């Protein structure tokens, strides 16, 4: 009988340890800074192809997603590796993003290309200012995903 009780206690202890190990971590998941930047890079490329195709609704969506992602990066990682991320995003990217948004609103392809290039330059300046000058973005040459149509509906 004593042996059965010991086995039962051992089983309960193991079950308790397993159950405790399956508990979710405290607090919600926060993506790392690199995940925010990778998502921004994909959005940057999608923004280019939307603008090139004159799909202004998609371009507006992508620039809004870029803003949202950068806001989240600044919120969750205001300083990353001693770099004042939140401050740099605001000072380097707010004006170029507004220019892209204005070109999209005007549905002006040449202004869009100019503004996009300005945004790209600002991104690279931010990288350089953070001592990550080896990370350079440019106008993409191929779409980042092959399963998305960039042309506006009806074309």
Protein backbone atom coordinates (compact mmCIF):
# COMPACT_ATOMS: atom_id res chain seq x y z
CA UNK A 1 0.00 0.00 0.00
CA UNK A 2 2.82 2.36 0.89
CA UNK A 3 4.34 1.74 -2.54
CA UNK A 4 1.05 2.62 -4.30
CA UNK A 5 0.81 5.90 -2.37
CA UNK A 6 4.42 6.78 -3.28
CA UNK A 7 3.78 6.04 -6.96
CA UNK A 8 0.59 8.12 -6.88
CA UNK A 9 2.43 11.05 -5.24
CA UNK A 10 5.24 10.78 -7.78
CA UNK A 11 2.72 10.75 -10.64
CA UNK A 12 0.96 13.81 -9.23
CA UNK A 13 4.28 15.61 -8.85
CA UNK A 14 5.25 14.86 -12.44
CA UNK A 15 1.80 15.91 -13.70
CA UNK A 16 2.05 19.16 -11.74
CA UNK A 17 5.50 19.89 -13.14
CA UNK A 18 4.35 19.19 -16.69
CA UNK A 19 1.26 21.38 -16.24
CA UNK A 20 3.36 24.19 -14.80
CA UNK A 21 5.69 23.99 -17.80
CA UNK A 22 2.77 24.39 -20.19
CA UNK A 23 1.61 27.69 -18.70
CA UNK A 24 1.97 30.67 -21.04
CA UNK A 25 4.80 33.07 -20.39
CA UNK A 26 3.95 36.16 -18.38
CA UNK A 27 2.82 39.06 -20.57
CA UNK A 28 2.10 39.25 -24.28
CA UNK A 29 4.63 38.41 -26.98
CA UNK A 30 6.55 41.43 -28.27
CA UNK A 31 8.40 40.97 -31.57
CA UNK A 32 12.08 41.79 -31.53
CA UNK A 33 13.32 44.96 -33.20
CA UNK A 34 14.62 42.96 -36.17
CA UNK A 35 11.16 41.53 -36.81
CA UNK A 36 9.72 45.04 -37.01
CA UNK A 37 12.44 46.09 -39.45
CA UNK A 38 12.02 42.97 -41.62
CA UNK A 39 8.28 43.59 -41.85
CA UNK A 40 8.97 47.23 -42.75
CA UNK A 41 11.34 46.13 -45.52
CA UNK A 42 8.66 43.90 -47.06
CA UNK A 43 6.09 46.70 -46.80
CA UNK A 44 8.57 49.13 -48.41
CA UNK A 45 8.87 46.79 -51.41
CA UNK A 46 5.13 46.23 -51.65
CA UNK A 47 4.60 49.99 -51.48
CA UNK A 48 6.88 50.44 -54.49
CA UNK A 49 5.07 47.88 -56.64
CA UNK A 50 1.66 49.24 -55.66
CA UNK A 51 2.72 52.76 -56.66
CA UNK A 52 4.32 51.58 -59.89
CA UNK A 53 1.06 49.84 -60.79
CA UNK A 54 -0.88 52.97 -59.77
CA UNK A 55 -2.87 50.93 -57.29
CA UNK A 56 -3.34 53.91 -55.00
CA UNK A 57 -5.59 52.06 -52.56
CA UNK A 58 -2.95 49.38 -52.02
CA UNK A 59 -0.18 51.99 -51.82
CA UNK A 60 -2.14 53.90 -49.17
CA UNK A 61 -2.65 50.67 -47.25
CA UNK A 62 1.06 49.79 -47.38
CA UNK A 63 2.26 53.23 -46.26
CA UNK A 64 -0.23 53.08 -43.38
CA UNK A 65 1.12 49.65 -42.43
CA UNK A 66 4.67 51.02 -42.54
CA UNK A 67 3.64 53.82 -40.17
CA UNK A 68 1.89 51.38 -37.87
CA UNK A 69 4.89 49.06 -37.76
CA UNK A 70 7.32 51.90 -37.12
CA UNK A 71 5.04 53.25 -34.36
CA UNK A 72 5.05 49.81 -32.75
CA UNK A 73 8.83 49.51 -33.11
CA UNK A 74 9.22 52.89 -31.41
CA UNK A 75 6.73 51.95 -28.69
CA UNK A 76 8.20 48.55 -27.85
CA UNK A 77 11.85 49.36 -28.57
CA UNK A 78 12.29 53.10 -27.91
CA UNK A 79 16.00 52.43 -27.40
CA UNK A 80 17.69 49.44 -29.02
CA UNK A 81 21.35 48.68 -28.36
CA UNK A 82 21.86 52.25 -27.12
CA UNK A 83 20.26 53.69 -30.28
CA UNK A 84 17.34 56.11 -29.68
CA UNK A 85 15.04 54.33 -32.11
CA UNK A 86 11.84 56.22 -31.31
CA UNK A 87 13.57 59.58 -31.70
CA UNK A 88 15.31 58.56 -34.94
CA UNK A 89 12.12 57.23 -36.52
CA UNK A 90 10.28 60.45 -35.77
CA UNK A 91 13.04 62.80 -36.89
CA UNK A 92 14.07 60.86 -40.02
CA UNK A 93 10.89 59.30 -41.34
CA UNK A 94 7.85 61.45 -40.52
CA UNK A 95 8.40 63.99 -43.31
CA UNK A 96 9.29 61.45 -46.03
CA UNK A 97 6.24 59.36 -45.13
CA UNK A 98 4.02 62.44 -45.39
CA UNK A 99 5.45 63.12 -48.87
CA UNK A 100 4.68 59.56 -49.96
CA UNK A 101 1.16 59.89 -48.57
CA UNK A 102 0.64 63.19 -50.44
CA UNK A 103 1.81 61.66 -53.73
CA UNK A 104 -0.54 58.72 -53.22
CA UNK A 105 -3.45 61.03 -52.42
CA UNK A 106 -2.67 63.05 -55.57
CA UNK A 107 -2.38 59.79 -57.56
CA UNK A 108 0.78 61.19 -59.13
CA UNK A 109 3.14 58.45 -60.26
CA UNK A 110 6.17 60.73 -60.80
CA UNK A 111 5.71 62.42 -57.41
CA UNK A 112 5.27 58.99 -55.88
CA UNK A 113 8.60 57.78 -57.34
CA UNK A 114 10.37 60.91 -56.08
CA UNK A 115 8.80 60.61 -52.62
CA UNK A 116 9.52 56.88 -52.45
CA UNK A 117 13.17 57.55 -53.26
CA UNK A 118 13.18 60.20 -50.52
CA UNK A 119 11.77 57.69 -48.06
CA UNK A 120 14.40 55.16 -49.09
CA UNK A 121 17.15 57.75 -48.58
CA UNK A 122 15.73 58.54 -45.14
CA UNK A 123 15.69 54.84 -44.22
CA UNK A 124 19.34 54.51 -45.21
CA UNK A 125 20.25 57.68 -43.27
CA UNK A 126 18.55 56.23 -40.21
CA UNK A 127 20.49 52.97 -40.60
CA UNK A 128 23.77 54.89 -40.99
CA UNK A 129 22.98 57.08 -37.97
CA UNK A 130 22.40 53.95 -35.89
CA UNK A 131 25.76 52.47 -37.00
CA UNK A 132 23.97 50.00 -39.29
CA UNK A 133 25.05 51.67 -42.53
CA UNK A 134 25.71 48.23 -43.98
CA UNK A 135 21.92 47.78 -44.16
CA UNK A 136 20.90 49.62 -47.32
CA UNK A 137 17.51 49.50 -48.98
CA UNK A 138 16.72 50.47 -52.54
CA UNK A 139 13.92 50.38 -55.06
CA UNK A 140 13.04 46.72 -55.33
CA UNK A 141 13.48 44.98 -58.67
CA UNK A 142 11.19 42.00 -58.08
CA UNK A 143 8.04 41.76 -55.95
CA UNK A 144 8.67 40.42 -52.44
CA UNK A 145 5.78 37.97 -52.80
CA UNK A 146 4.61 36.15 -55.88
CA UNK A 147 1.04 35.60 -54.75
CA UNK A 148 -0.12 39.23 -54.69
CA UNK A 149 -1.57 41.18 -57.59
CA UNK A 150 -0.29 44.75 -57.53
CA UNK A 151 -2.39 46.08 -60.41
CA UNK A 152 -5.58 47.81 -59.30
CA UNK A 153 -8.84 45.93 -59.68
CA UNK A 154 -10.26 46.13 -63.16
CA UNK A 155 -6.92 46.43 -64.93
